[in-house]
Amino acid sequence: MQTLSIFELLKQVITSWQVIAITVALILFLNIVFYVARRYHRPMSMPKISFKGKKGKKAEKAAPQEEIVTHDDDLGLEEA
């Protein structure tokens, strides 16, 4: 093919109504997506626990704790 005919074919493809319509649709879609991305704010998350507080908690866990036993644990079941 000659160079001149390739440029003519490329001009016809670029100026066709299908290519122009898809290009406009993509631009509108991207504008909407970027607008929503700018407007979206994430909800505030819970504050993180600092590492300083964990040292005191480890000392408390190391100490034996008394287990609380109640007599309401049988849930009304009869033993056979």
N, C-alpha and C. Protein backbone atom coordinates (compact mmCIF):
# COMPACT_ATOMS: atom_id res chain seq x y z
N MET A 1 0.83 -1.19 0.00
CA MET A 1 0.00 0.00 0.00
C MET A 1 0.87 1.25 0.00
N GLN A 2 0.36 2.22 -0.61
CA GLN A 2 1.09 3.48 -0.64
C GLN A 2 0.84 4.25 0.65
N THR A 3 1.78 5.08 1.00
CA THR A 3 1.68 5.86 2.22
C THR A 3 0.48 6.79 2.17
N LEU A 4 0.18 7.34 1.03
CA LEU A 4 -0.94 8.26 0.87
C LEU A 4 -2.26 7.56 1.13
N SER A 5 -2.42 6.35 0.67
CA SER A 5 -3.69 5.64 0.87
C SER A 5 -3.86 5.21 2.34
N ILE A 6 -2.77 4.95 3.05
CA ILE A 6 -2.87 4.61 4.49
C ILE A 6 -3.37 5.81 5.27
N PHE A 7 -2.85 6.99 4.96
CA PHE A 7 -3.30 8.20 5.66
C PHE A 7 -4.76 8.51 5.34
N GLU A 8 -5.19 8.28 4.13
CA GLU A 8 -6.60 8.50 3.77
C GLU A 8 -7.51 7.54 4.52
N LEU A 9 -7.08 6.28 4.61
CA LEU A 9 -7.87 5.30 5.35
C LEU A 9 -7.93 5.64 6.83
N LEU A 10 -6.82 6.07 7.40
CA LEU A 10 -6.78 6.46 8.81
C LEU A 10 -7.68 7.66 9.06
N LYS A 11 -7.70 8.61 8.13
CA LYS A 11 -8.57 9.79 8.26
C LYS A 11 -10.04 9.38 8.24
N GLN A 12 -10.40 8.45 7.39
CA GLN A 12 -11.78 7.99 7.31
C GLN A 12 -12.20 7.26 8.59
N VAL A 13 -11.28 6.46 9.15
CA VAL A 13 -11.60 5.73 10.38
C VAL A 13 -11.79 6.70 11.53
N ILE A 14 -10.89 7.65 11.67
CA ILE A 14 -10.96 8.59 12.79
C ILE A 14 -12.19 9.48 12.70
N THR A 15 -12.59 9.87 11.52
CA THR A 15 -13.74 10.78 11.37
C THR A 15 -15.07 10.05 11.23
N SER A 16 -15.10 8.73 11.38
CA SER A 16 -16.38 8.02 11.29
C SER A 16 -17.21 8.31 12.55
N TRP A 17 -18.52 8.24 12.40
CA TRP A 17 -19.40 8.61 13.50
C TRP A 17 -19.31 7.61 14.66
N GLN A 18 -18.99 6.36 14.39
CA GLN A 18 -18.88 5.36 15.44
C GLN A 18 -17.71 5.67 16.38
N VAL A 19 -16.58 6.02 15.80
CA VAL A 19 -15.40 6.33 16.61
C VAL A 19 -15.64 7.60 17.42
N ILE A 20 -16.25 8.59 16.82
CA ILE A 20 -16.53 9.84 17.53
C ILE A 20 -17.52 9.60 18.67
N ALA A 21 -18.56 8.80 18.44
CA ALA A 21 -19.57 8.53 19.47
C ALA A 21 -18.95 7.76 20.66
N ILE A 22 -18.13 6.77 20.38
CA ILE A 22 -17.50 6.00 21.45
C ILE A 22 -16.53 6.88 22.24
N THR A 23 -15.82 7.75 21.56
CA THR A 23 -14.89 8.65 22.23
C THR A 23 -15.63 9.59 23.17
N VAL A 24 -16.73 10.16 22.72
CA VAL A 24 -17.53 11.05 23.56
C VAL A 24 -18.11 10.29 24.75
N ALA A 25 -18.60 9.07 24.51
CA ALA A 25 -19.16 8.27 25.60
C ALA A 25 -18.09 7.93 26.64
N LEU A 26 -16.89 7.58 26.21
CA LEU A 26 -15.81 7.29 27.15
C LEU A 26 -15.42 8.51 27.97
N ILE A 27 -15.36 9.66 27.34
CA ILE A 27 -15.02 10.89 28.06
C ILE A 27 -16.07 11.20 29.11
N LEU A 28 -17.36 11.07 28.77
CA LEU A 28 -18.43 11.32 29.74
C LEU A 28 -18.38 10.31 30.89
N PHE A 29 -18.15 9.05 30.58
CA PHE A 29 -18.07 8.02 31.61
C PHE A 29 -16.91 8.29 32.56
N LEU A 30 -15.75 8.62 32.03
CA LEU A 30 -14.60 8.91 32.89
C LEU A 30 -14.82 10.15 33.74
N ASN A 31 -15.49 11.15 33.20
CA ASN A 31 -15.80 12.35 33.99
C ASN A 31 -16.70 11.99 35.17
N ILE A 32 -17.69 11.15 34.94
CA ILE A 32 -18.59 10.74 36.02
C ILE A 32 -17.83 9.94 37.08
N VAL A 33 -16.99 9.02 36.65
CA VAL A 33 -16.23 8.20 37.60
C VAL A 33 -15.30 9.06 38.44
N PHE A 34 -14.59 9.98 37.82
CA PHE A 34 -13.67 10.83 38.57
C PHE A 34 -14.42 11.79 39.50
N TYR A 35 -15.60 12.26 39.08
CA TYR A 35 -16.41 13.12 39.94
C TYR A 35 -16.85 12.37 41.20
N VAL A 36 -17.33 11.15 41.03
CA VAL A 36 -17.76 10.35 42.18
C VAL A 36 -16.57 10.03 43.07
N ALA A 37 -15.41 9.76 42.50
CA ALA A 37 -14.22 9.46 43.29
C ALA A 37 -13.80 10.66 44.12
N ARG A 38 -13.96 11.85 43.58
CA ARG A 38 -13.61 13.05 44.35
C ARG A 38 -14.59 13.31 45.48
N ARG A 39 -15.87 13.01 45.24
CA ARG A 39 -16.91 13.32 46.22
C ARG A 39 -17.03 12.28 47.33
N TYR A 40 -16.48 11.10 47.12
CA TYR A 40 -16.62 10.01 48.08
C TYR A 40 -15.66 10.20 49.23
N HIS A 41 -16.22 10.15 50.46
CA HIS A 41 -15.40 10.23 51.67
C HIS A 41 -15.63 8.97 52.47
N ARG A 42 -14.56 8.32 52.87
CA ARG A 42 -14.68 7.13 53.68
C ARG A 42 -15.09 7.52 55.09
N PRO A 43 -15.90 6.68 55.74
CA PRO A 43 -16.25 6.97 57.13
C PRO A 43 -15.02 6.86 58.02
N MET A 44 -15.04 7.63 59.09
CA MET A 44 -13.88 7.61 59.99
C MET A 44 -13.79 6.25 60.66
N SER A 45 -12.60 5.73 60.71
CA SER A 45 -12.40 4.42 61.30
C SER A 45 -12.18 4.55 62.80
N MET A 46 -12.22 3.43 63.47
CA MET A 46 -11.99 3.41 64.91
C MET A 46 -10.55 3.82 65.19
N PRO A 47 -10.32 4.53 66.27
CA PRO A 47 -8.93 4.90 66.60
C PRO A 47 -8.12 3.65 66.93
N LYS A 48 -6.89 3.65 66.50
CA LYS A 48 -6.02 2.50 66.72
C LYS A 48 -5.50 2.51 68.15
N ILE A 49 -5.31 1.33 68.70
CA ILE A 49 -4.79 1.20 70.06
C ILE A 49 -3.28 1.37 69.99
N SER A 50 -2.76 2.17 70.90
CA SER A 50 -1.32 2.39 70.89
C SER A 50 -0.60 1.18 71.48
N PHE A 51 0.65 1.02 71.13
CA PHE A 51 1.44 -0.10 71.61
C PHE A 51 1.80 0.06 73.09
N LYS A 52 1.77 1.26 73.61
CA LYS A 52 2.12 1.48 75.01
C LYS A 52 1.11 0.80 75.94
N GLY A 53 -0.13 0.75 75.55
CA GLY A 53 -1.16 0.17 76.39
C GLY A 53 -1.09 -1.34 76.45
N LYS A 54 -0.46 -1.99 75.49
CA LYS A 54 -0.42 -3.45 75.45
C LYS A 54 0.51 -4.03 76.51
N LYS A 55 1.54 -3.30 76.93
CA LYS A 55 2.47 -3.82 77.94
C LYS A 55 1.75 -4.03 79.27
N GLY A 56 0.90 -3.10 79.63
CA GLY A 56 0.16 -3.22 80.87
C GLY A 56 -0.86 -4.35 80.81
N LYS A 57 -1.43 -4.58 79.66
CA LYS A 57 -2.42 -5.64 79.51
C LYS A 57 -1.77 -7.01 79.59
N LYS A 58 -0.54 -7.15 79.11
CA LYS A 58 0.14 -8.44 79.19
C LYS A 58 0.40 -8.81 80.64
N ALA A 59 0.74 -7.84 81.45
CA ALA A 59 1.00 -8.12 82.87
C ALA A 59 -0.29 -8.56 83.56
N GLU A 60 -1.42 -7.98 83.17
CA GLU A 60 -2.69 -8.37 83.76
C GLU A 60 -3.09 -9.77 83.33
N LYS A 61 -2.82 -10.14 82.09
CA LYS A 61 -3.17 -11.46 81.60
C LYS A 61 -2.31 -12.54 82.25
N ALA A 62 -1.09 -12.21 82.60
CA ALA A 62 -0.20 -13.19 83.21
C ALA A 62 -0.67 -13.57 84.61
N ALA A 63 -1.31 -12.67 85.31
CA ALA A 63 -1.80 -12.96 86.65
C ALA A 63 -3.02 -13.87 86.55
N PRO A 64 -3.10 -14.92 87.38
CA PRO A 64 -4.26 -15.82 87.31
C PRO A 64 -5.53 -15.10 87.75
N GLN A 65 -6.58 -15.34 87.00
CA GLN A 65 -7.85 -14.72 87.32
C GLN A 65 -8.82 -15.79 87.81
N GLU A 66 -9.64 -15.42 88.74
CA GLU A 66 -10.62 -16.36 89.27
C GLU A 66 -11.77 -16.49 88.27
N GLU A 67 -12.19 -17.70 88.06
CA GLU A 67 -13.29 -17.96 87.15
C GLU A 67 -14.60 -17.87 87.91
N ILE A 68 -15.53 -17.14 87.36
CA ILE A 68 -16.82 -16.96 88.00
C ILE A 68 -17.73 -18.11 87.57
N VAL A 69 -18.24 -18.85 88.54
CA VAL A 69 -19.10 -19.98 88.25
C VAL A 69 -20.49 -19.66 88.78
N THR A 70 -21.48 -19.81 87.93
CA THR A 70 -22.86 -19.60 88.36
C THR A 70 -23.60 -20.93 88.26
N HIS A 71 -24.67 -21.06 88.99
CA HIS A 71 -25.45 -22.29 89.00
C HIS A 71 -26.54 -22.29 87.94
N ASP A 72 -26.59 -21.27 87.11
CA ASP A 72 -27.60 -21.18 86.05
C ASP A 72 -27.08 -21.76 84.73
N ASP A 73 -25.98 -22.48 84.76
CA ASP A 73 -25.37 -22.96 83.52
C ASP A 73 -26.03 -24.23 82.97
N ASP A 74 -26.92 -24.88 83.70
CA ASP A 74 -27.48 -26.15 83.20
C ASP A 74 -28.51 -25.97 82.11
N LEU A 75 -28.99 -24.78 81.85
CA LEU A 75 -29.90 -24.44 80.76
C LEU A 75 -31.18 -25.28 80.76
N GLY A 76 -31.56 -25.82 81.87
CA GLY A 76 -32.81 -26.56 81.96
C GLY A 76 -32.75 -27.95 81.37
N LEU A 77 -31.57 -28.49 81.11
CA LEU A 77 -31.44 -29.82 80.55
C LEU A 77 -31.38 -30.86 81.67
N GLU A 78 -32.00 -32.00 81.44
CA GLU A 78 -32.00 -33.06 82.43
C GLU A 78 -30.94 -34.08 82.06
N GLU A 79 -30.22 -34.57 83.07
CA GLU A 79 -29.22 -35.60 82.81
C GLU A 79 -29.89 -36.96 82.85
N ALA A 80 -29.44 -37.86 81.98
CA ALA A 80 -30.04 -39.18 81.93
C ALA A 80 -29.29 -40.15 82.82
